């Protein structure tokens, strides 16, 4: 019995140093993601940042951090952005990694921390178990490449052709000295008035162009009003002149004829009454008494 107890005690003592010498388990990416979330939710884990944490220049300018700010100062400035906002940690996408200018390295996963409208990019060191880089996904300003100076054209500029010089004209022989003229006192003469230029003659006006004959508008024939039909005029038939009879017959008739007064009375009584108009006037070759009355004439008996 004592032998068994002694053996177990020796084995336990031998195993304890071996267990103490085993290295601690390495932090996984899932654990690192959880550590970052809890550190910025509680606001009481400044050791989540490495002492030599690298802060992106754009983020440092945004947080107004001095160049010698320590990890605690950086942590407090980051908490001012995330405090009171819902925090979410996820793996960063390629565009966020490029814009944050973080250097990818094995064993250092990159996470994106979203707190409201703010997004931070954090690189976690799995071996040291803390955050080694903090930045923000801002656009990278790329300087435009400087343009190369244009090479000067090797072709020399064409020189202006020298114009041939005009031949020198022969100098006129010097005039012989004339006899000395008598020196007379020069009378002061008034300068002649400058000739006044006559005003330029005004240009004659050009003759006006002849008026262009405008053709008269065509005459539109106007139809004359239709002549009213002439009303038929009643034909007046004059009584015929009685034929001349022989004197003997006239004498016999005069002797046989009754007295003129009696004859007139008998003739008036024997004359039939005048007809009355009963129609329109119609001119005929031979007109009756009725036709004459219709045309306004009075028949003679």
C-alpha atoms as a PDB file:
ATOM      1  CA  UNK A   1       0.000   0.000   0.000  1.00  0.00           C
ATOM      2  CA  UNK A   2       2.784   2.371   0.896  1.00  0.00           C
ATOM      3  CA  UNK A   3       4.554   1.432  -2.305  1.00  0.00           C
ATOM      4  CA  UNK A   4       1.522   2.426  -4.410  1.00  0.00           C
ATOM      5  CA  UNK A   5       1.178   5.809  -2.693  1.00  0.00           C
ATOM      6  CA  UNK A   6       4.858   6.504  -3.127  1.00  0.00           C
ATOM      7  CA  UNK A   7       4.671   5.636  -6.824  1.00  0.00           C
ATOM      8  CA  UNK A   8       1.686   7.923  -7.439  1.00  0.00           C
ATOM      9  CA  UNK A   9       3.376  10.799  -5.592  1.00  0.00           C
ATOM     10  CA  UNK A  10       6.534  10.423  -7.641  1.00  0.00           C
ATOM     11  CA  UNK A  11       4.494  10.366 -10.890  1.00  0.00           C
ATOM     12  CA  UNK A  12       2.550  13.489  -9.929  1.00  0.00           C
ATOM     13  CA  UNK A  13       5.703  15.350  -9.085  1.00  0.00           C
ATOM     14  CA  UNK A  14       7.196  14.344 -12.411  1.00  0.00           C
ATOM     15  CA  UNK A  15       4.136  15.429 -14.432  1.00  0.00           C
ATOM     16  CA  UNK A  16       3.748  18.864 -12.782  1.00  0.00           C
ATOM     17  CA  UNK A  17       6.971  20.395 -14.195  1.00  0.00           C
ATOM     18  CA  UNK A  18       6.147  19.019 -17.632  1.00  0.00           C
ATOM     19  CA  UNK A  19       2.707  20.684 -17.616  1.00  0.00           C
ATOM     20  CA  UNK A  20       4.190  23.942 -16.403  1.00  0.00           C
ATOM     21  CA  UNK A  21       6.693  23.956 -19.260  1.00  0.00           C
ATOM     22  CA  UNK A  22       3.960  23.695 -22.020  1.00  0.00           C
ATOM     23  CA  UNK A  23       3.494  27.013 -23.937  1.00  0.00           C
ATOM     24  CA  UNK A  24       0.146  28.841 -23.727  1.00  0.00           C
ATOM     25  CA  UNK A  25      -2.317  28.329 -26.613  1.00  0.00           C
ATOM     26  CA  UNK A  26      -2.054  30.923 -29.436  1.00  0.00           C
ATOM     27  CA  UNK A  27      -4.932  33.387 -29.812  1.00  0.00           C
ATOM     28  CA  UNK A  28      -7.190  32.688 -32.791  1.00  0.00           C
ATOM     29  CA  UNK A  29      -8.728  35.235 -35.163  1.00  0.00           C
ATOM     30  CA  UNK A  30     -12.159  34.620 -33.659  1.00  0.00           C
ATOM     31  CA  UNK A  31     -10.804  35.343 -30.177  1.00  0.00           C
ATOM     32  CA  UNK A  32      -9.020  38.484 -31.406  1.00  0.00           C
ATOM     33  CA  UNK A  33     -12.277  39.719 -32.947  1.00  0.00           C
ATOM     34  CA  UNK A  34     -14.053  39.162 -29.624  1.00  0.00           C
ATOM     35  CA  UNK A  35     -11.285  40.935 -27.650  1.00  0.00           C
ATOM     36  CA  UNK A  36     -11.511  44.031 -29.889  1.00  0.00           C
ATOM     37  CA  UNK A  37     -15.300  44.205 -29.578  1.00  0.00           C
ATOM     38  CA  UNK A  38     -15.287  43.899 -25.783  1.00  0.00           C
ATOM     39  CA  UNK A  39     -12.449  46.445 -25.414  1.00  0.00           C
ATOM     40  CA  UNK A  40     -14.364  49.174 -27.305  1.00  0.00           C
ATOM     41  CA  UNK A  41     -17.768  48.301 -25.855  1.00  0.00           C
ATOM     42  CA  UNK A  42     -16.639  48.486 -22.217  1.00  0.00           C
ATOM     43  CA  UNK A  43     -14.137  51.305 -22.686  1.00  0.00           C
ATOM     44  CA  UNK A  44     -11.984  49.842 -19.897  1.00  0.00           C
ATOM     45  CA  UNK A  45      -9.297  47.876 -21.777  1.00  0.00           C
ATOM     46  CA  UNK A  46      -6.529  50.251 -22.887  1.00  0.00           C
ATOM     47  CA  UNK A  47      -4.073  47.321 -22.978  1.00  0.00           C
ATOM     48  CA  UNK A  48      -5.783  46.126 -26.171  1.00  0.00           C
ATOM     49  CA  UNK A  49      -3.436  48.552 -27.971  1.00  0.00           C
ATOM     50  CA  UNK A  50       0.260  47.810 -28.236  1.00  0.00           C
ATOM     51  CA  UNK A  51       2.673  50.260 -26.611  1.00  0.00           C
ATOM     52  CA  UNK A  52       4.154  50.939 -30.048  1.00  0.00           C
ATOM     53  CA  UNK A  53       0.820  50.992 -31.900  1.00  0.00           C
ATOM     54  CA  UNK A  54       0.997  52.661 -35.341  1.00  0.00           C
ATOM     55  CA  UNK A  55      -1.679  55.280 -36.076  1.00  0.00           C
ATOM     56  CA  UNK A  56      -2.483  56.223 -39.665  1.00  0.00           C
ATOM     57  CA  UNK A  57      -1.481  59.869 -40.393  1.00  0.00           C
ATOM     58  CA  UNK A  58      -5.004  60.779 -41.613  1.00  0.00           C
ATOM     59  CA  UNK A  59      -6.562  59.326 -38.450  1.00  0.00           C
ATOM     60  CA  UNK A  60      -3.957  61.024 -36.255  1.00  0.00           C
ATOM     61  CA  UNK A  61      -4.836  64.377 -37.849  1.00  0.00           C
ATOM     62  CA  UNK A  62      -8.551  63.676 -37.405  1.00  0.00           C
ATOM     63  CA  UNK A  63      -8.105  62.871 -33.690  1.00  0.00           C
ATOM     64  CA  UNK A  64      -5.645  65.765 -33.199  1.00  0.00           C
ATOM     65  CA  UNK A  65      -3.108  63.419 -31.607  1.00  0.00           C
ATOM     66  CA  UNK A  66       0.473  64.574 -31.058  1.00  0.00           C
ATOM     67  CA  UNK A  67       3.273  62.556 -32.583  1.00  0.00           C
ATOM     68  CA  UNK A  68       4.437  61.294 -29.151  1.00  0.00           C
ATOM     69  CA  UNK A  69       0.976  60.202 -27.904  1.00  0.00           C
ATOM     70  CA  UNK A  70       1.114  56.913 -25.958  1.00  0.00           C
ATOM     71  CA  UNK A  71      -1.241  53.941 -26.296  1.00  0.00           C
ATOM     72  CA  UNK A  72      -3.598  55.105 -23.531  1.00  0.00           C
ATOM     73  CA  UNK A  73      -4.046  58.524 -25.170  1.00  0.00           C
ATOM     74  CA  UNK A  74      -4.798  56.853 -28.507  1.00  0.00           C
ATOM     75  CA  UNK A  75      -7.271  54.476 -26.847  1.00  0.00           C
ATOM     76  CA  UNK A  76      -9.126  57.348 -25.179  1.00  0.00           C
ATOM     77  CA  UNK A  77      -9.334  59.281 -28.459  1.00  0.00           C
ATOM     78  CA  UNK A  78     -10.753  56.207 -30.201  1.00  0.00           C
ATOM     79  CA  UNK A  79     -13.312  55.767 -27.435  1.00  0.00           C
ATOM     80  CA  UNK A  80     -14.534  59.316 -28.082  1.00  0.00           C
ATOM     81  CA  UNK A  81     -15.515  58.137 -31.589  1.00  0.00           C
ATOM     82  CA  UNK A  82     -17.177  54.880 -30.546  1.00  0.00           C
ATOM     83  CA  UNK A  83     -18.632  55.778 -27.144  1.00  0.00           C
ATOM     84  CA  UNK A  84     -22.409  55.400 -26.993  1.00  0.00           C
ATOM     85  CA  UNK A  85     -22.678  53.825 -30.460  1.00  0.00           C
ATOM     86  CA  UNK A  86     -23.358  50.206 -31.407  1.00  0.00           C
ATOM     87  CA  UNK A  87     -20.043  48.448 -32.077  1.00  0.00           C
ATOM     88  CA  UNK A  88     -19.596  45.710 -34.661  1.00  0.00           C
ATOM     89  CA  UNK A  89     -16.323  43.971 -35.597  1.00  0.00           C
ATOM     90  CA  UNK A  90     -15.910  42.074 -38.882  1.00  0.00           C
ATOM     91  CA  UNK A  91     -13.055  41.089 -41.208  1.00  0.00           C
ATOM     92  CA  UNK A  92     -11.926  44.053 -43.336  1.00  0.00           C
ATOM     93  CA  UNK A  93     -12.524  43.956 -47.060  1.00  0.00           C
ATOM     94  CA  UNK A  94      -9.820  44.511 -49.671  1.00  0.00           C
ATOM     95  CA  UNK A  95     -10.859  48.106 -50.437  1.00  0.00           C
ATOM     96  CA  UNK A  96     -10.692  49.067 -46.740  1.00  0.00           C
ATOM     97  CA  UNK A  97      -7.252  47.481 -46.386  1.00  0.00           C
ATOM     98  CA  UNK A  98      -5.917  49.382 -49.393  1.00  0.00           C
ATOM     99  CA  UNK A  99      -7.337  52.733 -48.300  1.00  0.00           C
ATOM    100  CA  UNK A 100      -6.068  52.384 -44.711  1.00  0.00           C
ATOM    101  CA  UNK A 101      -2.513  51.734 -45.990  1.00  0.00           C
ATOM    102  CA  UNK A 102      -2.004  48.842 -43.561  1.00  0.00           C
ATOM    103  CA  UNK A 103       0.770  46.378 -44.362  1.00  0.00           C
ATOM    104  CA  UNK A 104      -0.546  42.815 -44.529  1.00  0.00           C
ATOM    105  CA  UNK A 105       1.548  40.241 -42.681  1.00  0.00           C
ATOM    106  CA  UNK A 106       1.049  36.595 -41.682  1.00  0.00           C
ATOM    107  CA  UNK A 107      -0.330  36.166 -38.170  1.00  0.00           C
ATOM    108  CA  UNK A 108      -1.755  39.693 -38.224  1.00  0.00           C
ATOM    109  CA  UNK A 109      -5.384  39.650 -39.392  1.00  0.00           C
ATOM    110  CA  UNK A 110      -7.076  42.949 -40.240  1.00  0.00           C
ATOM    111  CA  UNK A 111     -10.506  43.783 -38.818  1.00  0.00           C
ATOM    112  CA  UNK A 112     -13.004  46.605 -39.465  1.00  0.00           C
ATOM    113  CA  UNK A 113     -14.700  48.159 -36.431  1.00  0.00           C
ATOM    114  CA  UNK A 114     -17.991  49.935 -37.198  1.00  0.00           C
ATOM    115  CA  UNK A 115     -19.442  52.333 -34.620  1.00  0.00           C
ATOM    116  CA  UNK A 116     -22.347  54.276 -36.073  1.00  0.00           C
ATOM    117  CA  UNK A 117     -21.078  56.213 -39.093  1.00  0.00           C
ATOM    118  CA  UNK A 118     -17.408  55.705 -38.110  1.00  0.00           C
ATOM    119  CA  UNK A 119     -15.300  52.850 -39.485  1.00  0.00           C
ATOM    120  CA  UNK A 120     -11.857  51.965 -38.098  1.00  0.00           C
ATOM    121  CA  UNK A 121      -9.354  49.462 -39.478  1.00  0.00           C
ATOM    122  CA  UNK A 122      -7.351  47.517 -36.829  1.00  0.00           C
ATOM    123  CA  UNK A 123      -4.549  44.987 -37.349  1.00  0.00           C
ATOM    124  CA  UNK A 124      -4.273  42.440 -34.520  1.00  0.00           C
ATOM    125  CA  UNK A 125      -0.965  40.737 -33.644  1.00  0.00           C
ATOM    126  CA  UNK A 126      -1.902  37.182 -32.646  1.00  0.00           C
ATOM    127  CA  UNK A 127       1.492  36.464 -31.052  1.00  0.00           C
ATOM    128  CA  UNK A 128       1.601  39.600 -28.866  1.00  0.00           C
ATOM    129  CA  UNK A 129      -2.176  39.478 -28.364  1.00  0.00           C
ATOM    130  CA  UNK A 130      -2.798  43.212 -28.978  1.00  0.00           C
ATOM    131  CA  UNK A 131      -3.587  45.743 -31.743  1.00  0.00           C
ATOM    132  CA  UNK A 132      -0.513  46.841 -33.713  1.00  0.00           C
ATOM    133  CA  UNK A 133      -2.133  49.259 -36.221  1.00  0.00           C
ATOM    134  CA  UNK A 134      -5.145  51.615 -36.237  1.00  0.00           C
ATOM    135  CA  UNK A 135      -6.386  53.543 -39.293  1.00  0.00           C
ATOM    136  CA  UNK A 136      -9.456  54.554 -41.283  1.00  0.00           C
ATOM    137  CA  UNK A 137     -10.481  53.650 -44.841  1.00  0.00           C
ATOM    138  CA  UNK A 138      -9.914  57.032 -46.458  1.00  0.00           C
ATOM    139  CA  UNK A 139      -9.167  57.675 -50.105  1.00  0.00           C
ATOM    140  CA  UNK A 140      -5.494  57.683 -50.957  1.00  0.00           C
ATOM    141  CA  UNK A 141      -4.338  60.849 -52.642  1.00  0.00           C
ATOM    142  CA  UNK A 142      -2.218  59.860 -55.609  1.00  0.00           C
ATOM    143  CA  UNK A 143       0.037  62.554 -56.971  1.00  0.00           C
ATOM    144  CA  UNK A 144      -0.112  62.954 -60.699  1.00  0.00           C
ATOM    145  CA  UNK A 145       3.160  62.007 -62.399  1.00  0.00           C
ATOM    146  CA  UNK A 146       5.218  64.967 -63.402  1.00  0.00           C
ATOM    147  CA  UNK A 147       5.227  65.564 -67.086  1.00  0.00           C
ATOM    148  CA  UNK A 148       8.546  65.205 -68.809  1.00  0.00           C
ATOM    149  CA  UNK A 149       9.843  68.449 -70.210  1.00  0.00           C
ATOM    150  CA  UNK A 150       9.417  68.581 -73.899  1.00  0.00           C
ATOM    151  CA  UNK A 151      12.644  68.125 -75.746  1.00  0.00           C
ATOM    152  CA  UNK A 152      13.778  71.096 -77.679  1.00  0.00           C
ATOM    153  CA  UNK A 153      13.514  70.620 -81.364  1.00  0.00           C
ATOM    154  CA  UNK A 154      16.892  69.659 -82.756  1.00  0.00           C
ATOM    155  CA  UNK A 155      16.113  71.245 -86.077  1.00  0.00           C
ATOM    156  CA  UNK A 156      17.586  74.747 -86.017  1.00  0.00           C
ATOM    157  CA  UNK A 157      15.238  77.544 -86.873  1.00  0.00           C
ATOM    158  CA  UNK A 158      15.644  78.719 -90.443  1.00  0.00           C
ATOM    159  CA  UNK A 159      17.734  81.841 -90.531  1.00  0.00           C
ATOM    160  CA  UNK A 160      16.482  84.841 -92.390  1.00  0.00           C
ATOM    161  CA  UNK A 161      18.172  85.119 -95.739  1.00  0.00           C
ATOM    162  CA  UNK A 162      20.472  88.090 -95.929  1.00  0.00           C
ATOM    163  CA  UNK A 163      19.264  90.561 -98.480  1.00  0.00           C
ATOM    164  CA  UNK A 164      21.903  91.673-100.992  1.00  0.00           C
ATOM    165  CA  UNK A 165      23.225  95.082-100.232  1.00  0.00           C
ATOM    166  CA  UNK A 166      22.454  97.787-102.739  1.00  0.00           C
ATOM    167  CA  UNK A 167      25.506  98.999-104.666  1.00  0.00           C
ATOM    168  CA  UNK A 168      26.954 102.159-103.270  1.00  0.00           C
ATOM    169  CA  UNK A 169      26.082 105.160-105.374  1.00  0.00           C
ATOM    170  CA  UNK A 170      29.045 107.256-106.584  1.00  0.00           C
ATOM    171  CA  UNK A 171      29.445 110.395-104.628  1.00  0.00           C
ATOM    172  CA  UNK A 172      28.831 113.627-106.497  1.00  0.00           C
ATOM    173  CA  UNK A 173      31.947 115.773-106.973  1.00  0.00           C
ATOM    174  CA  UNK A 174      32.282 118.518-104.471  1.00  0.00           C
ATOM    175  CA  UNK A 175      31.042 121.859-105.726  1.00  0.00           C
ATOM    176  CA  UNK A 176      33.675 124.461-106.349  1.00  0.00           C
ATOM    177  CA  UNK A 177      33.715 127.271-103.828  1.00  0.00           C
ATOM    178  CA  UNK A 178      31.835 130.215-105.202  1.00  0.00           C
ATOM    179  CA  UNK A 179      32.930 133.782-104.900  1.00  0.00           C
ATOM    180  CA  UNK A 180      32.213 135.357-101.541  1.00  0.00           C
ATOM    181  CA  UNK A 181      28.879 137.069-101.750  1.00  0.00           C
ATOM    182  CA  UNK A 182      28.406 140.513-100.405  1.00  0.00           C
ATOM    183  CA  UNK A 183      27.288 140.407 -96.867  1.00  0.00           C
ATOM    184  CA  UNK A 184      24.109 142.391 -96.530  1.00  0.00           C
ATOM    185  CA  UNK A 185      22.057 142.795 -93.424  1.00  0.00           C
ATOM    186  CA  UNK A 186      19.275 140.305 -93.663  1.00  0.00           C
ATOM    187  CA  UNK A 187      15.934 141.924 -93.306  1.00  0.00           C
ATOM    188  CA  UNK A 188      13.644 140.272 -90.853  1.00  0.00           C
ATOM    189  CA  UNK A 189      10.908 138.872 -92.967  1.00  0.00           C
ATOM    190  CA  UNK A 190       7.716 137.516 -91.607  1.00  0.00           C
ATOM    191  CA  UNK A 191       7.210 133.878 -92.371  1.00  0.00           C
ATOM    192  CA  UNK A 192       4.803 133.295 -95.177  1.00  0.00           C
ATOM    193  CA  UNK A 193       1.498 131.996 -93.959  1.00  0.00           C
ATOM    194  CA  UNK A 194       1.095 128.332 -94.421  1.00  0.00           C
ATOM    195  CA  UNK A 195      -1.026 127.424 -97.346  1.00  0.00           C
ATOM    196  CA  UNK A 196      -4.445 126.387 -96.232  1.00  0.00           C
ATOM    197  CA  UNK A 197      -5.463 123.246 -97.899  1.00  0.00           C
ATOM    198  CA  UNK A 198      -8.599 123.661 -99.903  1.00  0.00           C
ATOM    199  CA  UNK A 199     -11.413 121.514 -98.642  1.00  0.00           C
ATOM    200  CA  UNK A 200     -11.824 118.380-100.588  1.00  0.00           C
ATOM    201  CA  UNK A 201     -14.637 118.529-103.044  1.00  0.00           C
ATOM    202  CA  UNK A 202     -17.631 116.668-101.834  1.00  0.00           C
ATOM    203  CA  UNK A 203     -18.279 113.604-103.959  1.00  0.00           C
ATOM    204  CA  UNK A 204     -21.098 114.074-106.367  1.00  0.00           C
ATOM    205  CA  UNK A 205     -24.153 112.129-105.334  1.00  0.00           C
ATOM    206  CA  UNK A 206     -24.737 109.141-107.454  1.00  0.00           C
ATOM    207  CA  UNK A 207     -27.787 109.433-109.696  1.00  0.00           C
ATOM    208  CA  UNK A 208     -30.808 107.794-108.240  1.00  0.00           C
ATOM    209  CA  UNK A 209     -31.662 104.540-109.953  1.00  0.00           C
ATOM    210  CA  UNK A 210     -34.427 104.785-112.494  1.00  0.00           C
ATOM    211  CA  UNK A 211     -37.747 103.697-111.093  1.00  0.00           C
ATOM    212  CA  UNK A 212     -38.598 100.223-112.083  1.00  0.00           C
ATOM    213  CA  UNK A 213     -41.814 100.072-114.014  1.00  0.00           C
ATOM    214  CA  UNK A 214     -44.280  98.115-112.025  1.00  0.00           C
ATOM    215  CA  UNK A 215     -46.572  96.093-114.277  1.00  0.00           C
ATOM    216  CA  UNK A 216     -50.188  97.097-113.930  1.00  0.00           C
ATOM    217  CA  UNK A 217     -52.348  94.457-112.347  1.00  0.00           C
ATOM    218  CA  UNK A 218     -54.380  92.495-114.859  1.00  0.00           C
ATOM    219  CA  UNK A 219     -57.803  93.955-115.486  1.00  0.00           C
ATOM    220  CA  UNK A 220     -60.476  91.712-114.158  1.00  0.00           C
ATOM    221  CA  UNK A 221     -63.453  91.766-116.508  1.00  0.00           C
ATOM    222  CA  UNK A 222     -66.531  92.912-114.656  1.00  0.00           C
ATOM    223  CA  UNK A 223     -69.740  91.471-115.891  1.00  0.00           C
ATOM    224  CA  UNK A 224     -72.175  94.143-116.917  1.00  0.00           C
ATOM    225  CA  UNK A 225     -75.559  93.988-115.245  1.00  0.00           C
ATOM    226  CA  UNK A 226     -78.111  92.226-117.317  1.00  0.00           C
ATOM    227  CA  UNK A 227     -80.292  94.609-119.197  1.00  0.00           C
ATOM    228  CA  UNK A 228     -83.828  94.681-117.968  1.00  0.00           C
ATOM    229  CA  UNK A 229     -86.228  93.294-120.495  1.00  0.00           C
ATOM    230  CA  UNK A 230     -88.039  96.050-122.294  1.00  0.00           C
ATOM    231  CA  UNK A 231     -91.675  96.148-121.632  1.00  0.00           C
ATOM    232  CA  UNK A 232     -93.745  95.851-124.720  1.00  0.00           C
ATOM    233  CA  UNK A 233     -95.081  99.218-125.812  1.00  0.00           C
ATOM    234  CA  UNK A 234     -98.612  99.296-126.952  1.00  0.00           C
ATOM    235  CA  UNK A 235     -98.885  99.815-130.678  1.00  0.00           C
ATOM    236  CA  UNK A 236    -101.082 102.697-131.678  1.00  0.00           C
ATOM    237  CA  UNK A 237    -102.781 102.086-134.923  1.00  0.00           C
ATOM    238  CA  UNK A 238    -103.756 105.257-136.725  1.00  0.00           C
ATOM    239  CA  UNK A 239    -107.055 105.211-138.572  1.00  0.00           C
ATOM    240  CA  UNK A 240    -106.762 104.737-142.252  1.00  0.00           C
ATOM    241  CA  UNK A 241    -107.531 107.603-144.583  1.00  0.00           C
ATOM    242  CA  UNK A 242    -110.734 106.906-146.503  1.00  0.00           C
ATOM    243  CA  UNK A 243    -110.463 106.465-150.191  1.00  0.00           C
ATOM    244  CA  UNK A 244    -111.519 109.285-152.438  1.00  0.00           C
ATOM    245  CA  UNK A 245    -114.785 108.713-154.151  1.00  0.00           C
ATOM    246  CA  UNK A 246    -115.992 110.198-157.308  1.00  0.00           C
ATOM    247  CA  UNK A 247    -117.688 113.636-157.103  1.00  0.00           C
ATOM    248  CA  UNK A 248    -120.883 112.315-158.468  1.00  0.00           C
ATOM    249  CA  UNK A 249    -121.144 109.707-155.778  1.00  0.00           C
ATOM    250  CA  UNK A 250    -120.297 112.322-153.178  1.00  0.00           C
ATOM    251  CA  UNK A 251    -122.984 114.649-154.459  1.00  0.00           C
ATOM    252  CA  UNK A 252    -125.475 111.837-154.540  1.00  0.00           C
ATOM    253  CA  UNK A 253    -124.530 110.775-151.045  1.00  0.00           C
ATOM    254  CA  UNK A 254    -124.714 114.319-149.781  1.00  0.00           C
ATOM    255  CA  UNK A 255    -128.081 114.784-151.279  1.00  0.00           C
ATOM    256  CA  UNK A 256    -129.291 111.505-149.982  1.00  0.00           C
ATOM    257  CA  UNK A 257    -127.693 111.900-146.559  1.00  0.00           C
ATOM    258  CA  UNK A 258    -129.892 113.270-143.833  1.00  0.00           C
ATOM    259  CA  UNK A 259    -128.986 116.247-141.856  1.00  0.00           C
ATOM    260  CA  UNK A 260    -125.648 116.043-140.063  1.00  0.00           C
ATOM    261  CA  UNK A 261    -127.106 116.376-136.584  1.00  0.00           C
ATOM    262  CA  UNK A 262    -129.550 113.607-137.094  1.00  0.00           C
ATOM    263  CA  UNK A 263    -126.923 111.454-138.695  1.00  0.00           C
ATOM    264  CA  UNK A 264    -124.542 111.891-135.750  1.00  0.00           C
ATOM    265  CA  UNK A 265    -127.219 111.027-133.264  1.00  0.00           C
ATOM    266  CA  UNK A 266    -128.172 107.939-135.154  1.00  0.00           C
ATOM    267  CA  UNK A 267    -124.567 106.901-135.549  1.00  0.00           C
ATOM    268  CA  UNK A 268    -123.881 107.359-131.821  1.00  0.00           C
ATOM    269  CA  UNK A 269    -126.900 105.310-130.980  1.00  0.00           C
ATOM    270  CA  UNK A 270    -126.026 102.617-133.472  1.00  0.00           C
ATOM    271  CA  UNK A 271    -122.337 102.380-132.236  1.00  0.00           C
ATOM    272  CA  UNK A 272    -121.801  99.430-129.911  1.00  0.00           C
ATOM    273  CA  UNK A 273    -120.366 100.113-126.451  1.00  0.00           C
ATOM    274  CA  UNK A 274    -116.545 100.203-126.108  1.00  0.00           C
ATOM    275  CA  UNK A 275    -115.068  96.963-124.814  1.00  0.00           C
ATOM    276  CA  UNK A 276    -113.137  96.949-121.526  1.00  0.00           C
ATOM    277  CA  UNK A 277    -109.529  95.655-121.139  1.00  0.00           C
ATOM    278  CA  UNK A 278    -109.577  91.974-120.310  1.00  0.00           C
ATOM    279  CA  UNK A 279    -105.937  90.899-120.772  1.00  0.00           C
ATOM    280  CA  UNK A 280    -102.379  91.830-121.581  1.00  0.00           C
ATOM    281  CA  UNK A 281    -101.394  93.865-124.580  1.00  0.00           C
ATOM    282  CA  UNK A 282    -100.460  91.655-127.481  1.00  0.00           C
ATOM    283  CA  UNK A 283     -99.353  93.194-130.773  1.00  0.00           C
ATOM    284  CA  UNK A 284    -100.813  91.300-133.715  1.00  0.00           C
ATOM    285  CA  UNK A 285    -100.731  91.923-137.450  1.00  0.00           C
ATOM    286  CA  UNK A 286    -104.458  92.421-137.424  1.00  0.00           C
ATOM    287  CA  UNK A 287    -105.758  93.690-134.113  1.00  0.00           C
ATOM    288  CA  UNK A 288    -109.363  93.605-133.018  1.00  0.00           C
ATOM    289  CA  UNK A 289    -111.102  96.258-130.978  1.00  0.00           C
ATOM    290  CA  UNK A 290    -110.475  94.213-127.841  1.00  0.00           C
ATOM    291  CA  UNK A 291    -106.744  93.984-128.653  1.00  0.00           C
ATOM    292  CA  UNK A 292    -106.663  97.767-129.164  1.00  0.00           C
ATOM    293  CA  UNK A 293    -108.390  98.355-125.825  1.00  0.00           C
ATOM    294  CA  UNK A 294    -105.957  95.949-124.082  1.00  0.00           C
ATOM    295  CA  UNK A 295    -103.061  97.957-125.515  1.00  0.00           C
ATOM    296  CA  UNK A 296    -104.564 101.291-124.396  1.00  0.00           C
ATOM    297  CA  UNK A 297    -105.865 102.434-127.784  1.00  0.00           C
ATOM    298  CA  UNK A 298    -109.374 103.631-128.527  1.00  0.00           C
ATOM    299  CA  UNK A 299    -111.039 102.036-131.509  1.00  0.00           C
ATOM    300  CA  UNK A 300    -112.533 104.365-134.076  1.00  0.00           C
ATOM    301  CA  UNK A 301    -116.038 103.715-135.349  1.00  0.00           C
END
